[in-house]
Amino acid sequence: MSRLHVLLNEADYAPFLQHSAAPGGGWYPHYPGRYPSKQIFSAEIWKPISSNPQKPVFNATLLRYAAIDIGEPALKQEIEGLLEGNFRNRGRQRSFLSSGKYHIDVRLRSARGTPLQLRSPEFYRLWLSFRRYLGDWSRNRRFYSDIMSDLANEVKVLIDEYNGKKGSREKYNSCAVVGNSGILLNKEFGKLIDSHEAVIRLNNARIASFERNVGAKTSISFVNSNILHLCARREGCFCHPYGMNVPTIMYICQPAHFLDYLVCNSSHKAPLIVTDPRFDVLCTRIVKYYSLKRFVELTGKDVGEWGPAHEGANFHYSSGMQAVMLALGICEKVSIFGYGKSASARHHYHTNQKAELSLHDYEAEYDFYRDLMEQPHAIPFISDKFKIPPIVMYH
């Protein structure tokens, strides 16, 4: 029997298919059946979805490995050090704390003997908030399959309240998720993108002079915390290329970036929202499952050899993948632009970068997008109670 034919025994691996967990966690605002009922067509490349899909049989080995976070021990150690106040000698994080804004008192030590750097009364207050936010985030960083059904209440409600729509529980009628691929320069999708009720853009990609290709409208700026970390070094923590009133949703790449989040909160007029860590865990498992599956199918190697080939503990989903997942939860219909690549195109339409980041598995993510449109029932880890909306991908 091949490695990909080890079928799931539900008695042994039910937790990977049917999960339940008490609600908790949540998003951190700056502000005090899964099957479509109709066939979906894309004029670009995608086939219609069957209205009567067969219940999938998932591979138990892949599910089990996808649920293992090999970076978890190091992350827990890092969080523990941060909660103890050890902010020195973290060159990898290059936190805004190194800018000299806060005085470093090297004589202070925690109960464990680690440096406790209370630089000023202002920083001490910030540090207390940091500990609270990071502690909550760490405790709630667990798997919860129903998180997709909570996104509208956890995210869109905050944005609607900011826009004066209190009590609204409706999803966006249509959303365009605009990726940053250089293939966008070959098309003029600008007007089509702007025709959607909501437009989600990634990592502060520039739109000036590219409006014909990528549009001019922005409803949500979706970024990774490395972007905000760079913004935190600027005067007033300016991080609003699309305007001061555009909400920002951010996922945490490094725990220390909660400090940047707290500092920048005070200067953000629009909501600045950190993704629910349970949502992060779901995205991680899905992408890892597709990466494992692709690795075994293409190489014939054992799943245990996947780690060295994919950055091991540093493996991570892309910002684009999580932005699509967000749209699935807050939009009735989703259109995807600027995902994919071409030998003749730049990696990003707005930069000269050609190479992809090795810690992402873009090909595995493309397999995921394909399943979203052709066979959404074949996607693991998402609760059957969540209905995946119609999706179209434009190339």
Protein backbone atom coordinates (compact mmCIF):
# COMPACT_ATOMS: atom_id res chain seq x y z
CA MET A 1 0.00 0.00 0.00
CA SER A 2 1.44 3.41 -0.95
CA ARG A 3 1.91 6.17 1.58
CA LEU A 4 -1.03 8.11 0.18
CA HIS A 5 -3.43 5.21 0.62
CA VAL A 6 -3.29 5.01 4.40
CA LEU A 7 -6.96 5.84 4.90
CA LEU A 8 -8.43 7.53 7.91
CA ASN A 9 -9.80 5.44 10.73
CA GLU A 10 -12.32 7.82 12.29
CA ALA A 11 -12.21 6.01 15.62
CA ASP A 12 -8.51 6.80 15.92
CA TYR A 13 -8.31 10.19 14.23
CA ALA A 14 -11.73 11.74 14.72
CA PRO A 15 -10.18 14.86 16.27
CA PHE A 16 -8.72 15.72 12.86
CA LEU A 17 -12.14 15.63 11.19
CA GLN A 18 -14.71 16.65 13.74
CA HIS A 19 -13.47 19.24 16.20
CA SER A 20 -15.27 21.15 18.86
CA ALA A 21 -13.91 23.66 21.28
CA ALA A 22 -15.30 26.23 23.58
CA PRO A 23 -15.31 29.67 22.01
CA GLY A 24 -12.57 31.89 23.31
CA GLY A 25 -9.58 33.79 22.16
CA GLY A 26 -10.79 36.45 19.81
CA TRP A 27 -9.32 39.23 17.74
CA TYR A 28 -7.52 42.18 19.19
CA PRO A 29 -9.13 45.38 17.91
CA HIS A 30 -7.66 48.82 18.20
CA TYR A 31 -11.21 49.82 18.84
CA PRO A 32 -12.54 50.51 22.79
CA GLY A 33 -22.56 22.09 4.66
CA ARG A 34 -19.62 24.05 3.03
CA TYR A 35 -20.91 23.48 -0.51
CA PRO A 36 -22.34 26.11 -2.87
CA SER A 37 -25.86 25.24 -3.94
CA LYS A 38 -25.24 26.13 -7.58
CA GLN A 39 -22.53 25.36 -10.08
CA ILE A 40 -19.81 27.96 -10.12
CA PHE A 41 -17.97 28.86 -13.31
CA SER A 42 -14.93 30.99 -13.94
CA ALA A 43 -14.44 32.23 -17.44
CA GLU A 44 -10.73 32.19 -16.75
CA ILE A 45 -9.71 28.63 -15.89
CA TRP A 46 -11.86 26.86 -13.34
CA LYS A 47 -14.29 23.98 -13.84
CA PRO A 48 -17.84 23.85 -12.41
CA ILE A 49 -18.36 22.52 -8.92
CA SER A 50 -20.50 19.41 -8.59
CA SER A 51 -23.76 20.03 -6.73
CA ASN A 52 -23.56 16.55 -5.16
CA PRO A 53 -19.95 16.03 -4.07
CA GLN A 54 -18.89 12.77 -2.52
CA LYS A 55 -17.79 12.86 1.10
CA PRO A 56 -13.98 12.87 1.01
CA VAL A 57 -11.74 10.31 2.63
CA PHE A 58 -8.72 12.09 4.04
CA ASN A 59 -5.29 10.58 4.46
CA ALA A 60 -4.71 9.93 8.15
CA THR A 61 -0.94 10.24 7.98
CA LEU A 62 -1.09 13.63 6.27
CA LEU A 63 -3.70 14.89 8.72
CA ARG A 64 -1.62 13.79 11.66
CA TYR A 65 1.58 15.40 10.37
CA ALA A 66 -0.23 18.58 9.36
CA ALA A 67 -1.45 18.95 12.92
CA ILE A 68 2.09 18.85 14.31
CA ASP A 69 3.72 22.26 14.71
CA ILE A 70 7.43 21.51 14.84
CA GLY A 71 8.15 25.12 15.71
CA GLU A 72 5.93 25.07 18.80
CA PRO A 73 8.66 24.35 21.40
CA ALA A 74 10.85 27.22 20.19
CA LEU A 75 7.85 29.56 20.01
CA LYS A 76 6.81 28.74 23.57
CA GLN A 77 10.35 29.38 24.77
CA GLU A 78 10.41 32.70 22.94
CA ILE A 79 7.07 33.75 24.41
CA GLU A 80 8.20 32.76 27.89
CA GLY A 81 11.30 34.89 27.53
CA LEU A 82 9.26 37.87 26.36
CA LEU A 83 6.77 37.54 29.19
CA GLU A 84 9.67 37.52 31.62
CA GLY A 85 10.86 40.82 30.19
CA ASN A 86 13.86 39.56 28.24
CA PHE A 87 13.91 42.01 25.32
CA ARG A 88 17.65 42.29 24.88
CA ASN A 89 19.85 40.54 22.35
CA ARG A 90 16.98 39.65 20.04
CA GLY A 91 18.66 40.73 16.84
CA ARG A 92 16.33 38.62 14.71
CA GLN A 93 13.34 40.61 15.88
CA ARG A 94 14.99 44.02 15.68
CA SER A 95 12.18 45.45 17.71
CA PHE A 96 11.41 49.14 17.78
CA LEU A 97 12.75 49.00 21.34
CA SER A 98 16.27 49.12 19.89
CA SER A 99 15.58 52.56 18.50
CA GLY A 100 16.52 54.13 21.82
CA LYS A 101 13.07 55.46 22.63
CA TYR A 102 13.11 53.69 26.00
CA HIS A 103 15.98 53.66 28.49
CA ILE A 104 17.48 50.20 29.14
CA ASP A 105 18.21 49.44 32.78
CA VAL A 106 20.50 46.42 32.61
CA ARG A 107 20.58 45.97 36.40
CA LEU A 108 16.96 44.82 36.68
CA ARG A 109 16.36 41.09 36.73
CA SER A 110 13.28 38.89 36.78
CA ALA A 111 12.75 36.13 39.34
CA ARG A 112 14.50 33.78 36.93
CA GLY A 113 17.50 36.04 36.61
CA THR A 114 16.73 37.27 33.08
CA PRO A 115 17.11 40.98 32.27
CA LEU A 116 13.97 42.91 33.17
CA GLN A 117 14.08 46.15 31.26
CA LEU A 118 11.64 48.67 32.66
CA ARG A 119 12.86 51.71 30.79
CA SER A 120 10.39 54.32 31.98
CA PRO A 121 6.93 54.64 33.54
CA GLU A 122 5.57 54.92 30.01
CA PHE A 123 7.27 51.73 28.95
CA TYR A 124 6.24 49.95 32.13
CA ARG A 125 2.58 50.57 31.29
CA LEU A 126 3.22 49.40 27.77
CA TRP A 127 4.98 46.30 29.04
CA LEU A 128 2.03 45.38 31.28
CA SER A 129 -0.32 45.62 28.30
CA PHE A 130 2.13 43.66 26.19
CA ARG A 131 2.21 40.82 28.71
CA ARG A 132 -1.58 40.70 28.83
CA TYR A 133 -2.03 40.65 25.05
CA LEU A 134 0.77 38.18 24.41
CA GLY A 135 -0.40 35.91 27.21
CA ASP A 136 -3.96 35.84 25.86
CA TRP A 137 -2.72 35.23 22.33
CA SER A 138 -0.48 32.38 23.46
CA ARG A 139 -3.20 30.67 25.52
CA ASN A 140 -5.70 30.84 22.67
CA ARG A 141 -3.30 29.59 20.02
CA ARG A 142 -5.06 26.26 19.47
CA PHE A 143 -7.11 24.47 16.86
CA TYR A 144 -10.81 25.32 16.58
CA SER A 145 -12.51 24.13 13.39
CA ASP A 146 -15.53 26.43 13.72
CA ILE A 147 -13.47 29.63 13.65
CA MET A 148 -14.48 30.32 10.03
CA SER A 149 -18.09 30.79 11.14
CA ASP A 150 -16.97 33.39 13.68
CA LEU A 151 -15.03 35.66 11.32
CA ALA A 152 -17.93 37.90 10.34
CA ASN A 153 -18.75 38.68 13.96
CA GLU A 154 -15.12 39.03 15.01
CA VAL A 155 -13.94 41.16 12.11
CA LYS A 156 -16.66 42.75 10.02
CA VAL A 157 -18.70 43.88 13.02
CA LEU A 158 -15.71 45.91 14.27
CA ILE A 159 -15.26 47.51 10.86
CA ASP A 160 -18.99 48.23 10.51
CA GLU A 161 -19.09 49.86 13.94
CA TYR A 162 -16.20 52.10 12.94
CA ASN A 163 -18.13 53.03 9.78
CA GLY A 164 -21.27 53.83 11.78
CA LYS A 165 -23.18 50.60 11.02
CA LYS A 166 -23.82 49.40 14.55
CA GLY A 167 -25.69 46.14 14.92
CA SER A 168 -24.89 44.99 11.38
CA ARG A 169 -24.31 41.25 11.02
CA GLU A 170 -24.32 41.05 7.24
CA LYS A 171 -21.34 39.89 5.23
CA TYR A 172 -19.96 41.89 2.32
CA ASN A 173 -21.97 41.09 -0.79
CA SER A 174 -18.81 40.72 -2.89
CA CYS A 175 -15.08 40.92 -2.17
CA ALA A 176 -12.00 41.22 -4.35
CA VAL A 177 -8.79 39.88 -2.83
CA VAL A 178 -5.93 41.50 -4.73
CA GLY A 179 -2.62 39.68 -4.60
CA ASN A 180 0.70 41.21 -5.57
CA SER A 181 1.81 38.94 -8.41
CA GLY A 182 3.53 40.51 -11.39
CA ILE A 183 0.99 38.82 -13.67
CA LEU A 184 -1.36 41.70 -12.84
CA LEU A 185 0.64 43.94 -15.16
CA ASN A 186 -0.57 41.88 -18.12
CA LYS A 187 -4.25 42.65 -17.44
CA GLU A 188 -6.40 45.69 -16.82
CA PHE A 189 -8.60 44.46 -13.99
CA GLY A 190 -8.80 47.82 -12.23
CA LYS A 191 -12.45 48.65 -12.89
CA LEU A 192 -13.57 45.08 -12.23
CA ILE A 193 -11.72 45.03 -8.90
CA ASP A 194 -13.20 48.35 -7.82
CA SER A 195 -16.73 47.16 -8.68
CA HIS A 196 -16.72 44.83 -5.65
CA GLU A 197 -18.28 45.99 -2.40
CA ALA A 198 -15.03 45.35 -0.54
CA VAL A 199 -11.45 45.24 -1.81
CA ILE A 200 -8.75 43.55 0.28
CA ARG A 201 -5.10 44.40 -0.45
CA LEU A 202 -1.92 42.79 0.81
CA ASN A 203 1.11 44.10 2.69
CA ASN A 204 0.69 47.75 1.72
CA ALA A 205 1.36 47.10 -1.96
CA ARG A 206 1.55 50.34 -3.91
CA ILE A 207 -1.39 51.12 -6.20
CA ALA A 208 -0.37 54.59 -7.45
CA SER A 209 0.34 54.40 -11.20
CA PHE A 210 -1.05 50.83 -11.29
CA GLU A 211 -4.74 51.71 -11.03
CA ARG A 212 -5.62 50.30 -14.46
CA ASN A 213 -4.19 46.95 -13.42
CA VAL A 214 -5.11 46.69 -9.73
CA GLY A 215 -7.79 49.32 -9.13
CA ALA A 216 -7.83 52.25 -6.73
CA LYS A 217 -10.31 51.18 -4.05
CA THR A 218 -9.23 49.65 -0.73
CA SER A 219 -11.61 48.52 2.01
CA ILE A 220 -9.24 46.39 4.11
CA SER A 221 -5.46 46.37 4.31
CA PHE A 222 -4.25 42.86 5.23
CA VAL A 223 -0.64 42.71 6.40
CA ASN A 224 1.81 40.52 8.26
CA SER A 225 3.28 41.99 11.43
CA ASN A 226 6.67 42.55 9.77
CA ILE A 227 5.01 45.37 7.83
CA LEU A 228 3.74 47.07 10.99
CA HIS A 229 7.13 46.54 12.62
CA LEU A 230 8.72 48.66 9.89
CA CYS A 231 5.98 51.27 10.24
CA ALA A 232 6.60 51.49 14.00
CA ARG A 233 9.96 53.13 13.30
CA ARG A 234 8.31 56.00 11.47
CA GLU A 235 7.11 59.25 12.98
CA GLY A 236 3.62 58.66 14.31
CA CYS A 237 3.84 55.01 13.27
CA PHE A 238 2.46 55.94 9.85
CA CYS A 239 1.26 52.79 8.08
CA HIS A 240 -1.64 54.01 5.93
CA PRO A 241 -0.80 53.97 2.21
CA TYR A 242 -4.50 53.60 1.39
CA GLY A 243 -5.73 56.36 3.70
CA MET A 244 -6.17 56.89 7.43
CA ASN A 245 -9.72 55.48 7.40
CA VAL A 246 -8.87 52.07 5.93
CA PRO A 247 -8.95 49.29 8.57
CA THR A 248 -5.88 47.10 8.92
CA ILE A 249 -5.96 43.38 9.73
CA MET A 250 -2.66 41.82 10.74
CA TYR A 251 -1.37 38.39 11.66
CA ILE A 252 1.50 38.02 14.10
CA CYS A 253 4.76 36.71 12.61
CA GLN A 254 6.85 37.19 15.74
CA PRO A 255 5.50 37.49 19.29
CA ALA A 256 7.60 40.59 19.99
CA HIS A 257 5.58 42.43 17.34
CA PHE A 258 2.76 42.85 19.85
CA LEU A 259 4.84 45.74 21.16
CA ASP A 260 4.68 47.39 17.75
CA TYR A 261 0.95 46.75 17.69
CA LEU A 262 0.40 48.40 21.07
CA VAL A 263 2.53 51.43 20.20
CA CYS A 264 0.89 51.92 16.81
CA ASN A 265 -2.62 51.53 18.23
CA SER A 266 -2.53 54.99 19.72
CA SER A 267 -1.98 56.60 16.31
CA HIS A 268 -4.37 54.47 14.25
CA LYS A 269 -7.67 56.16 13.54
CA ALA A 270 -9.22 53.15 11.82
CA PRO A 271 -9.40 49.72 13.50
CA LEU A 272 -6.13 47.80 13.74
CA ILE A 273 -7.09 44.16 14.27
CA VAL A 274 -4.86 41.20 15.08
CA THR A 275 -6.12 37.90 13.70
CA ASP A 276 -7.50 35.34 16.11
CA PRO A 277 -4.68 32.85 16.83
CA ARG A 278 -7.14 30.00 16.27
CA PHE A 279 -7.61 31.31 12.73
CA ASP A 280 -3.83 31.32 12.30
CA VAL A 281 -3.62 27.70 13.44
CA LEU A 282 -6.33 26.65 10.98
CA CYS A 283 -4.52 28.32 8.08
CA THR A 284 -1.25 26.69 9.14
CA ARG A 285 -2.75 23.21 9.18
CA ILE A 286 -4.46 23.56 5.83
CA VAL A 287 -1.37 24.80 4.00
CA LYS A 288 0.87 22.23 5.65
CA TYR A 289 -1.54 19.46 4.64
CA TYR A 290 -1.39 20.53 0.99
CA SER A 291 2.39 20.92 1.16
CA LEU A 292 2.82 17.45 2.66
CA LYS A 293 0.49 15.94 0.09
CA ARG A 294 2.31 17.56 -2.80
CA PHE A 295 5.72 16.58 -1.40
CA VAL A 296 4.82 12.89 -1.05
CA GLU A 297 3.11 12.73 -4.45
CA LEU A 298 5.96 14.39 -6.33
CA THR A 299 8.95 12.86 -4.57
CA GLY A 300 7.67 9.52 -3.29
CA LYS A 301 9.52 10.23 -0.06
CA ASP A 302 8.25 9.69 3.46
CA VAL A 303 6.39 12.56 5.07
CA GLY A 304 9.09 12.66 7.74
CA GLU A 305 11.47 14.08 5.13
CA TRP A 306 9.21 17.04 4.38
CA GLY A 307 10.67 19.36 7.06
CA PRO A 308 14.22 19.78 5.73
CA ALA A 309 12.83 20.48 2.26
CA HIS A 310 10.44 23.22 3.46
CA GLU A 311 12.25 25.36 6.03
CA GLY A 312 11.12 23.11 8.89
CA ALA A 313 9.99 25.17 11.87
CA ASN A 314 10.01 28.36 9.77
CA PHE A 315 7.46 27.06 7.24
CA HIS A 316 4.49 29.41 7.04
CA TYR A 317 1.46 30.19 4.92
CA SER A 318 1.62 33.32 2.79
CA SER A 319 -0.24 36.54 3.56
CA GLY A 320 -2.22 35.96 0.39
CA MET A 321 -3.51 32.59 1.56
CA GLN A 322 -4.78 33.96 4.86
CA ALA A 323 -6.37 36.94 3.12
CA VAL A 324 -8.36 34.52 0.96
CA MET A 325 -9.39 32.58 4.07
CA LEU A 326 -10.52 35.84 5.67
CA ALA A 327 -12.61 36.69 2.62
CA LEU A 328 -14.30 33.29 2.75
CA GLY A 329 -15.54 34.14 6.23
CA ILE A 330 -16.73 37.72 5.69
CA CYS A 331 -17.93 37.77 2.06
CA GLU A 332 -20.88 36.24 0.18
CA LYS A 333 -18.86 36.01 -3.06
CA VAL A 334 -15.10 36.12 -3.51
CA SER A 335 -13.02 37.12 -6.53
CA ILE A 336 -9.26 36.55 -6.49
CA PHE A 337 -6.82 38.62 -8.56
CA GLY A 338 -3.04 38.61 -8.80
CA TYR A 339 -2.40 35.07 -7.57
CA GLY A 340 -0.11 32.91 -9.65
CA LYS A 341 3.11 33.41 -11.53
CA SER A 342 4.67 33.54 -14.96
CA ALA A 343 8.24 32.99 -16.09
CA SER A 344 8.21 36.43 -17.66
CA ALA A 345 6.61 38.24 -14.71
CA ARG A 346 8.10 39.70 -11.56
CA HIS A 347 7.20 38.15 -8.22
CA HIS A 348 5.49 41.40 -7.19
CA TYR A 349 3.94 43.83 -9.65
CA HIS A 350 5.15 46.84 -7.65
CA THR A 351 8.78 45.76 -7.02
CA ASN A 352 11.66 44.22 -8.95
CA GLN A 353 11.71 41.09 -6.79
CA LYS A 354 11.89 37.92 -8.90
CA ALA A 355 12.44 35.14 -6.35
CA GLU A 356 9.80 33.59 -4.12
CA LEU A 357 10.26 33.23 -0.37
CA SER A 358 11.37 29.70 0.48
CA LEU A 359 9.39 29.53 3.72
CA HIS A 360 6.16 29.51 1.67
CA ASP A 361 4.94 26.67 -0.55
CA TYR A 362 3.10 28.60 -3.23
CA GLU A 363 2.45 25.53 -5.37
CA ALA A 364 0.70 23.85 -2.45
CA GLU A 365 -1.37 26.99 -1.93
CA TYR A 366 -2.38 26.94 -5.61
CA ASP A 367 -3.60 23.37 -5.06
CA PHE A 368 -5.66 24.68 -2.16
CA TYR A 369 -7.21 27.45 -4.28
CA ARG A 370 -8.05 24.90 -6.95
CA ASP A 371 -9.87 22.76 -4.43
CA LEU A 372 -11.72 25.80 -3.12
CA MET A 373 -13.30 26.19 -6.55
CA GLU A 374 -13.50 22.66 -7.86
CA GLN A 375 -14.04 20.52 -4.76
CA PRO A 376 -14.32 22.53 -1.54
CA HIS A 377 -15.51 19.41 0.28
CA ALA A 378 -11.97 18.02 -0.15
CA ILE A 379 -10.38 20.68 2.09
CA PRO A 380 -9.45 19.31 5.52
CA PHE A 381 -9.83 20.85 8.97
CA ILE A 382 -12.71 23.26 8.15
CA SER A 383 -15.95 22.44 9.93
CA ASP A 384 -18.73 20.99 7.76
CA LYS A 385 -21.04 23.59 9.28
CA PHE A 386 -19.26 26.35 7.39
CA LYS A 387 -20.46 27.00 3.83
CA ILE A 388 -17.66 28.05 1.49
CA PRO A 389 -18.96 30.87 -0.75
CA PRO A 390 -18.69 30.99 -4.55
CA ILE A 391 -15.17 31.86 -5.70
CA VAL A 392 -13.71 33.01 -9.00
CA MET A 393 -10.00 33.39 -9.73
CA TYR A 394 -8.91 35.76 -12.50
CA HIS A 395 -5.65 35.19 -14.37
